[in-house]
Amino acid sequence: MCRDIRTSGKYELFDDFQDLDLVANDNGKECIWDIQYSMNDGSNSAGRVNWSHLLNTPQGPYNGDGFFLPSQDLINSFQTTAEGLPVADYQSLPDFAKVTLEGDKAIISNYDHNVDPRLDFIIGRPNVTWKTYTETPCLGQWVRDRGTYGFNSSKRFVVSPESPDMYPGWPWGASALNWHMIRYAHVLLWEAEAHIELGEIAEGVQLINKVRNRAATSNYVKSWTDPSKCFGGTCPDFGGYAANYKIGLYPESISQEQARQAVRTENRLECAMEGERFFDLVRWGIAAEVMNKFIEREKDTRVYYQGVSFTSGKDEYLPITNNQYKFSGRNYVQNPGYGQF
């Protein structure tokens, strides 16, 4: 089915990853299934807008609620090798672009490592240019509770705050931007995974590289040029860019296990903050392994992970509620690990 979509001639990747968050590209060439939103459509307030994602808009120029923030572990995972490939043992490295406070001054450290450019397409980091906004870079104060959640925001699913497509007022950050529920990049990675599981490694790697090449040829995020407007006065500059961007392509001669890890990593990086990661981990049968390593890595800086663990065979699924059990005529069987109804 994925191959049929790919060879239909109807779809292609947007030229720039950042084109995904432009209203002008709703139902565009990368969009296979868009959930439709609209403004000025005769309904109340802004219109039929995406209220769920509006909860995730940061403060700053949006004045938003700032839910669903990126983890430090996710930020770390965008680090790349000298060849521009993901660092396999990234969790052994110090936190990338770590922000600490000394009084009222922000200290940003360890930001020289190579990183995939999608880091700054997807995540708003302090002192880094935010979309096409020119008044100020993303600032640490854009996060409501920095002491608990850190200093980083999600850039996805909102238009730039100065855009004429953004509604001027409540609900904050509203626009007619669709949610690209299934996009062409997803299909390429699904087909790549199928090829790899069938042992057709070269075919799978070619599709992974198609997705990576789009990221490599997108317009990289520029550095901020006015340090007086930066959070703490530190604006790293890497030849005019906000980071040392480096992304390369996989060789087609890698092993099946290496290719399997490549497509799983690519799913994480390409689709970060889209809300599907956990379901992929369950589907691959590695949720407990990955989640427990994640919790161990994050617990020292995120207090809400203290004393937390993921139980294999239970935590992949939520319990079925008593109401649903009764609605089923008492035919449902409870999910493993939750006892009886």
Protein backbone atom coordinates (compact mmCIF):
# COMPACT_ATOMS: atom_id res chain seq x y z
CA MET A 1 0.00 0.00 0.00
CA CYS A 2 2.82 2.40 0.80
CA ARG A 3 4.46 1.64 -2.52
CA ASP A 4 1.17 2.27 -4.33
CA ILE A 5 0.99 5.72 -2.72
CA ARG A 6 4.63 6.45 -3.50
CA THR A 7 4.34 5.46 -7.15
CA SER A 8 0.96 7.12 -7.73
CA GLY A 9 2.58 10.40 -8.74
CA LYS A 10 0.17 12.31 -6.48
CA TYR A 11 2.47 13.05 -3.56
CA GLU A 12 5.94 14.40 -2.78
CA LEU A 13 7.80 15.89 0.15
CA PHE A 14 7.56 19.61 0.67
CA ASP A 15 10.81 21.26 -0.42
CA ASP A 16 11.48 22.54 3.13
CA PHE A 17 10.54 20.75 6.36
CA GLN A 18 9.33 24.05 7.78
CA ASP A 19 6.70 24.26 5.01
CA LEU A 20 4.67 21.80 7.10
CA ASP A 21 3.56 24.65 9.38
CA LEU A 22 2.35 27.07 6.71
CA VAL A 23 -1.38 27.53 6.15
CA ALA A 24 -0.68 28.00 2.43
CA ASN A 25 0.40 24.35 2.30
CA ASP A 26 -2.77 22.84 3.80
CA ASN A 27 -3.76 19.83 1.66
CA GLY A 28 -0.50 20.27 -0.26
CA LYS A 29 1.68 17.74 -2.04
CA GLU A 30 2.94 16.08 1.17
CA CYS A 31 -0.53 15.84 2.73
CA ILE A 32 -2.27 12.47 2.42
CA TRP A 33 -4.78 12.89 5.24
CA ASP A 34 -5.24 16.37 6.70
CA ILE A 35 -7.60 17.11 9.57
CA GLN A 36 -9.25 20.31 8.36
CA TYR A 37 -9.34 23.57 10.33
CA SER A 38 -10.57 27.01 9.30
CA MET A 39 -11.02 30.64 10.35
CA ASN A 40 -13.54 33.27 9.29
CA ASP A 41 -15.97 30.47 8.55
CA GLY A 42 -19.07 31.91 10.22
CA SER A 43 -18.57 30.06 13.51
CA ASN A 44 -17.93 31.71 16.86
CA SER A 45 -14.60 33.27 17.89
CA ALA A 46 -11.63 32.46 15.63
CA GLY A 47 -13.41 29.66 13.79
CA ARG A 48 -13.08 25.91 13.61
CA VAL A 49 -9.48 25.86 14.81
CA ASN A 50 -7.28 23.18 16.38
CA TRP A 51 -8.02 23.68 20.08
CA SER A 52 -5.90 20.69 21.13
CA HIS A 53 -2.67 22.05 19.68
CA LEU A 54 -3.46 25.56 20.90
CA LEU A 55 -2.80 24.26 24.42
CA ASN A 56 0.80 23.68 23.32
CA THR A 57 1.58 27.22 22.16
CA PRO A 58 4.24 28.83 24.36
CA GLN A 59 3.94 32.10 26.22
CA GLY A 60 6.02 34.95 24.77
CA PRO A 61 4.32 36.44 21.69
CA TYR A 62 1.59 33.76 21.77
CA ASN A 63 0.64 34.13 25.46
CA GLY A 64 -0.21 30.42 25.31
CA ASP A 65 -0.48 27.57 27.80
CA GLY A 66 2.72 25.72 26.89
CA PHE A 67 1.65 22.09 27.25
CA PHE A 68 3.52 19.12 25.67
CA LEU A 69 7.10 20.33 25.99
CA PRO A 70 10.10 18.53 24.43
CA SER A 71 12.29 16.51 26.77
CA GLN A 72 16.01 17.07 27.13
CA ASP A 73 16.47 13.47 25.98
CA LEU A 74 14.74 14.31 22.70
CA ILE A 75 17.00 17.33 22.22
CA ASN A 76 20.06 15.18 22.90
CA SER A 77 18.94 12.61 20.32
CA PHE A 78 19.38 15.11 17.46
CA GLN A 79 23.19 15.09 17.90
CA THR A 80 25.07 13.67 14.93
CA THR A 81 28.47 12.17 14.17
CA ALA A 82 31.18 13.63 11.95
CA GLU A 83 29.38 11.92 9.06
CA GLY A 84 26.08 13.54 10.01
CA LEU A 85 24.42 10.33 11.22
CA PRO A 86 22.62 9.97 14.57
CA VAL A 87 24.85 9.28 17.58
CA ALA A 88 23.88 5.76 18.65
CA ASP A 89 24.85 6.21 22.32
CA TYR A 90 23.70 9.83 22.62
CA GLN A 91 22.45 9.17 26.17
CA SER A 92 26.08 8.81 27.28
CA LEU A 93 26.82 12.38 26.15
CA PRO A 94 26.32 15.52 28.26
CA ASP A 95 23.04 17.37 27.71
CA PHE A 96 23.14 19.38 24.50
CA ALA A 97 22.53 23.13 24.86
CA LYS A 98 21.84 22.77 28.57
CA VAL A 99 20.39 25.88 30.21
CA THR A 100 21.12 26.74 33.84
CA LEU A 101 20.38 29.90 35.81
CA GLU A 102 22.88 31.90 37.83
CA GLY A 103 20.69 34.48 39.48
CA ASP A 104 18.84 36.19 36.65
CA LYS A 105 21.43 35.20 34.06
CA ALA A 106 20.99 32.16 31.80
CA ILE A 107 24.06 30.07 31.06
CA ILE A 108 23.83 27.90 27.94
CA SER A 109 26.55 25.26 27.75
CA ASN A 110 27.65 22.40 25.50
CA TYR A 111 26.19 23.67 22.24
CA ASP A 112 29.10 22.94 19.84
CA HIS A 113 28.24 19.33 18.91
CA ASN A 114 26.94 18.56 15.41
CA VAL A 115 23.15 18.38 15.31
CA ASP A 116 20.44 17.42 12.82
CA PRO A 117 18.84 20.68 11.55
CA ARG A 118 15.39 19.32 12.43
CA LEU A 119 16.24 20.04 16.06
CA ASP A 120 15.57 23.73 15.46
CA PHE A 121 12.74 23.16 12.98
CA ILE A 122 10.81 21.32 15.70
CA ILE A 123 12.01 22.64 19.07
CA GLY A 124 12.18 26.21 20.29
CA ARG A 125 15.45 26.65 22.18
CA PRO A 126 16.44 29.78 24.12
CA ASN A 127 18.29 32.39 22.04
CA VAL A 128 17.50 30.62 18.76
CA THR A 129 15.45 32.25 16.00
CA TRP A 130 11.76 31.28 16.21
CA LYS A 131 10.29 30.64 12.77
CA THR A 132 10.24 34.03 10.91
CA TYR A 133 9.68 36.14 14.04
CA THR A 134 12.07 39.12 14.08
CA GLU A 135 11.32 40.90 17.38
CA THR A 136 13.16 38.45 19.62
CA PRO A 137 14.50 34.88 19.56
CA CYS A 138 12.81 32.15 21.54
CA LEU A 139 13.38 32.94 25.21
CA GLY A 140 13.48 30.74 28.29
CA GLN A 141 10.68 32.83 29.81
CA TRP A 142 8.34 31.44 27.13
CA VAL A 143 7.96 28.31 29.33
CA ARG A 144 5.51 28.78 32.20
CA ASP A 145 7.26 26.72 34.90
CA ARG A 146 10.92 26.61 33.94
CA GLY A 147 12.02 25.12 37.25
CA THR A 148 9.90 22.05 36.59
CA TYR A 149 9.90 21.68 32.81
CA GLY A 150 13.07 23.34 31.56
CA PHE A 151 13.40 26.09 28.96
CA ASN A 152 12.42 24.55 25.62
CA SER A 153 9.17 24.76 23.64
CA SER A 154 7.54 23.03 20.68
CA LYS A 155 7.61 24.91 17.36
CA ARG A 156 5.30 22.52 15.53
CA PHE A 157 1.63 23.06 14.62
CA VAL A 158 1.62 26.85 14.99
CA VAL A 159 2.28 29.65 12.52
CA SER A 160 4.85 32.34 13.22
CA PRO A 161 3.38 34.93 15.63
CA GLU A 162 3.66 37.84 13.17
CA SER A 163 1.90 35.90 10.41
CA PRO A 164 -1.35 37.38 9.06
CA ASP A 165 -2.70 33.81 9.28
CA MET A 166 -2.69 33.95 13.11
CA TYR A 167 -5.85 35.07 14.88
CA PRO A 168 -5.30 38.42 16.72
CA GLY A 169 -6.37 37.49 20.25
CA TRP A 170 -8.06 34.64 22.05
CA PRO A 171 -7.67 31.75 21.38
CA TRP A 172 -3.93 32.36 21.44
CA GLY A 173 -1.99 31.14 18.42
CA ALA A 174 -5.09 30.09 16.47
CA SER A 175 -4.95 29.76 12.70
CA ALA A 176 -6.47 27.68 9.92
CA LEU A 177 -3.40 25.41 9.93
CA ASN A 178 -4.42 21.80 9.26
CA TRP A 179 -3.06 18.85 11.19
CA HIS A 180 -1.18 16.63 8.72
CA MET A 181 -2.25 13.37 10.31
CA ILE A 182 -0.72 11.23 7.55
CA ARG A 183 1.91 12.85 5.38
CA TYR A 184 4.13 11.51 2.63
CA ALA A 185 7.21 11.32 4.89
CA HIS A 186 5.30 8.94 7.18
CA VAL A 187 4.47 6.67 4.25
CA LEU A 188 8.09 6.63 3.04
CA LEU A 189 9.27 5.55 6.49
CA TRP A 190 6.53 2.91 6.79
CA GLU A 191 7.56 1.46 3.44
CA ALA A 192 11.22 1.63 4.46
CA GLU A 193 10.42 -0.35 7.60
CA ALA A 194 8.59 -3.01 5.57
CA HIS A 195 11.51 -3.36 3.15
CA ILE A 196 13.97 -3.69 6.01
CA GLU A 197 11.92 -6.37 7.80
CA LEU A 198 11.77 -8.26 4.48
CA GLY A 199 15.56 -8.08 4.21
CA GLU A 200 15.46 -5.59 1.31
CA ILE A 201 17.96 -3.28 3.00
CA ALA A 202 19.01 -1.09 0.07
CA GLU A 203 15.40 -0.28 -0.84
CA GLY A 204 14.64 0.66 2.75
CA VAL A 205 17.73 2.80 3.19
CA GLN A 206 16.99 4.69 -0.03
CA LEU A 207 13.63 5.76 1.37
CA ILE A 208 15.12 6.78 4.73
CA ASN A 209 17.69 8.86 2.86
CA LYS A 210 14.97 10.56 0.83
CA VAL A 211 13.48 11.86 4.07
CA ARG A 212 16.90 12.83 5.45
CA ASN A 213 17.86 14.60 2.25
CA ARG A 214 14.80 16.86 2.53
CA ALA A 215 15.98 17.89 6.00
CA ALA A 216 19.51 18.43 4.68
CA THR A 217 18.35 20.72 1.86
CA SER A 218 15.84 22.73 3.93
CA ASN A 219 16.69 26.31 4.96
CA TYR A 220 18.64 26.05 8.20
CA VAL A 221 17.70 28.22 11.17
CA LYS A 222 19.77 31.42 11.28
CA SER A 223 21.54 32.65 14.38
CA TRP A 224 20.15 35.64 16.24
CA THR A 225 22.15 38.77 15.49
CA ASP A 226 21.28 41.01 18.46
CA PRO A 227 22.65 39.59 21.76
CA SER A 228 20.86 42.31 23.75
CA LYS A 229 17.57 40.50 23.07
CA CYS A 230 18.85 37.04 23.99
CA PHE A 231 18.04 35.16 27.18
CA GLY A 232 21.11 35.91 29.27
CA GLY A 233 22.92 37.65 26.41
CA THR A 234 24.43 34.55 24.77
CA CYS A 235 23.57 33.92 21.10
CA PRO A 236 25.75 31.15 19.60
CA ASP A 237 26.68 31.72 15.97
CA PHE A 238 27.97 28.99 13.69
CA GLY A 239 28.74 30.83 10.49
CA GLY A 240 25.37 32.57 10.56
CA TYR A 241 23.45 29.50 11.73
CA ALA A 242 21.99 28.82 15.17
CA ALA A 243 23.86 25.51 15.58
CA ASN A 244 26.51 23.34 13.99
CA TYR A 245 24.11 21.59 11.61
CA LYS A 246 25.31 18.34 10.07
CA ILE A 247 23.11 15.66 8.51
CA GLY A 248 24.29 12.86 6.25
CA LEU A 249 22.87 9.86 4.38
CA TYR A 250 23.11 6.21 5.38
CA PRO A 251 25.18 3.80 3.26
CA GLU A 252 23.02 1.15 1.60
CA SER A 253 25.41 -1.64 2.67
CA ILE A 254 24.48 -1.60 6.38
CA SER A 255 23.16 -4.73 8.15
CA GLN A 256 19.49 -5.45 8.75
CA GLU A 257 19.83 -4.61 12.46
CA GLN A 258 21.57 -1.33 11.66
CA ALA A 259 18.87 -0.52 9.11
CA ARG A 260 16.12 -1.39 11.60
CA GLN A 261 17.66 0.99 14.14
CA ALA A 262 18.07 3.64 11.41
CA VAL A 263 14.39 3.62 10.43
CA ARG A 264 13.26 3.66 14.06
CA THR A 265 15.53 6.60 14.83
CA GLU A 266 14.39 8.39 11.68
CA ASN A 267 10.76 7.99 12.75
CA ARG A 268 11.62 9.65 16.05
CA LEU A 269 13.51 12.59 14.54
CA GLU A 270 11.26 13.28 11.54
CA CYS A 271 8.02 12.94 13.53
CA ALA A 272 9.11 14.43 16.86
CA MET A 273 6.31 16.17 18.80
CA GLU A 274 3.65 14.63 16.54
CA GLY A 275 2.41 12.38 19.36
CA GLU A 276 3.00 8.96 17.77
CA ARG A 277 6.30 7.95 19.38
CA PHE A 278 4.88 5.88 22.22
CA PHE A 279 2.69 3.82 19.88
CA ASP A 280 5.71 3.03 17.69
CA LEU A 281 7.60 1.79 20.76
CA VAL A 282 4.72 -0.50 21.69
CA ARG A 283 4.41 -1.77 18.11
CA TRP A 284 8.15 -2.58 18.02
CA GLY A 285 7.97 -4.35 21.40
CA ILE A 286 10.61 -2.12 22.99
CA ALA A 287 8.51 0.31 25.06
CA ALA A 288 9.75 -0.85 28.47
CA GLU A 289 13.42 -0.84 27.46
CA VAL A 290 13.28 2.62 25.87
CA MET A 291 11.01 4.23 28.47
CA ASN A 292 13.06 3.03 31.46
CA LYS A 293 16.30 4.29 29.88
CA PHE A 294 14.55 7.59 29.18
CA ILE A 295 13.27 7.91 32.75
CA GLU A 296 16.70 7.10 34.18
CA ARG A 297 18.29 9.80 31.99
CA GLU A 298 15.67 12.46 32.75
CA LYS A 299 14.95 11.93 36.45
CA ASP A 300 17.80 14.08 37.76
CA THR A 301 16.50 17.20 35.99
CA ARG A 302 12.75 16.43 35.89
CA VAL A 303 11.55 15.76 39.43
CA TYR A 304 8.29 14.18 38.29
CA TYR A 305 10.23 11.11 37.08
CA GLN A 306 11.62 10.37 40.55
CA GLY A 307 10.49 6.92 41.66
CA VAL A 308 8.87 6.21 38.28
CA SER A 309 9.31 3.04 36.22
CA PHE A 310 7.65 1.38 33.22
CA THR A 311 6.34 -2.16 33.73
CA SER A 312 6.62 -4.42 30.68
CA GLY A 313 3.44 -6.30 29.84
CA LYS A 314 1.26 -3.76 31.67
CA ASP A 315 2.09 -0.14 30.96
CA GLU A 316 1.88 -0.52 27.18
CA TYR A 317 -1.92 -0.20 27.64
CA LEU A 318 -4.33 1.61 29.94
CA PRO A 319 -6.89 -0.31 32.00
CA ILE A 320 -10.37 -0.80 30.57
CA THR A 321 -12.83 1.16 32.71
CA ASN A 322 -15.70 -0.42 34.60
CA ASN A 323 -18.21 1.58 32.57
CA GLN A 324 -16.86 0.16 29.31
CA TYR A 325 -16.90 -3.33 30.83
CA LYS A 326 -20.59 -2.92 31.66
CA PHE A 327 -21.42 -1.40 28.26
CA SER A 328 -19.91 -4.51 26.66
CA GLY A 329 -22.35 -6.74 28.54
CA ARG A 330 -19.48 -7.80 30.80
CA ASN A 331 -17.75 -9.44 27.84
CA TYR A 332 -14.50 -7.45 27.94
CA VAL A 333 -11.40 -9.01 29.47
CA GLN A 334 -9.24 -6.61 31.48
CA ASN A 335 -5.81 -5.70 30.09
CA PRO A 336 -2.86 -7.54 31.70
CA GLY A 337 -1.58 -6.27 35.04
CA TYR A 338 -4.75 -4.53 36.24
CA GLY A 339 -6.56 -7.35 38.04
CA GLN A 340 -10.18 -8.25 37.47
CA PHE A 341 -13.22 -6.02 36.99
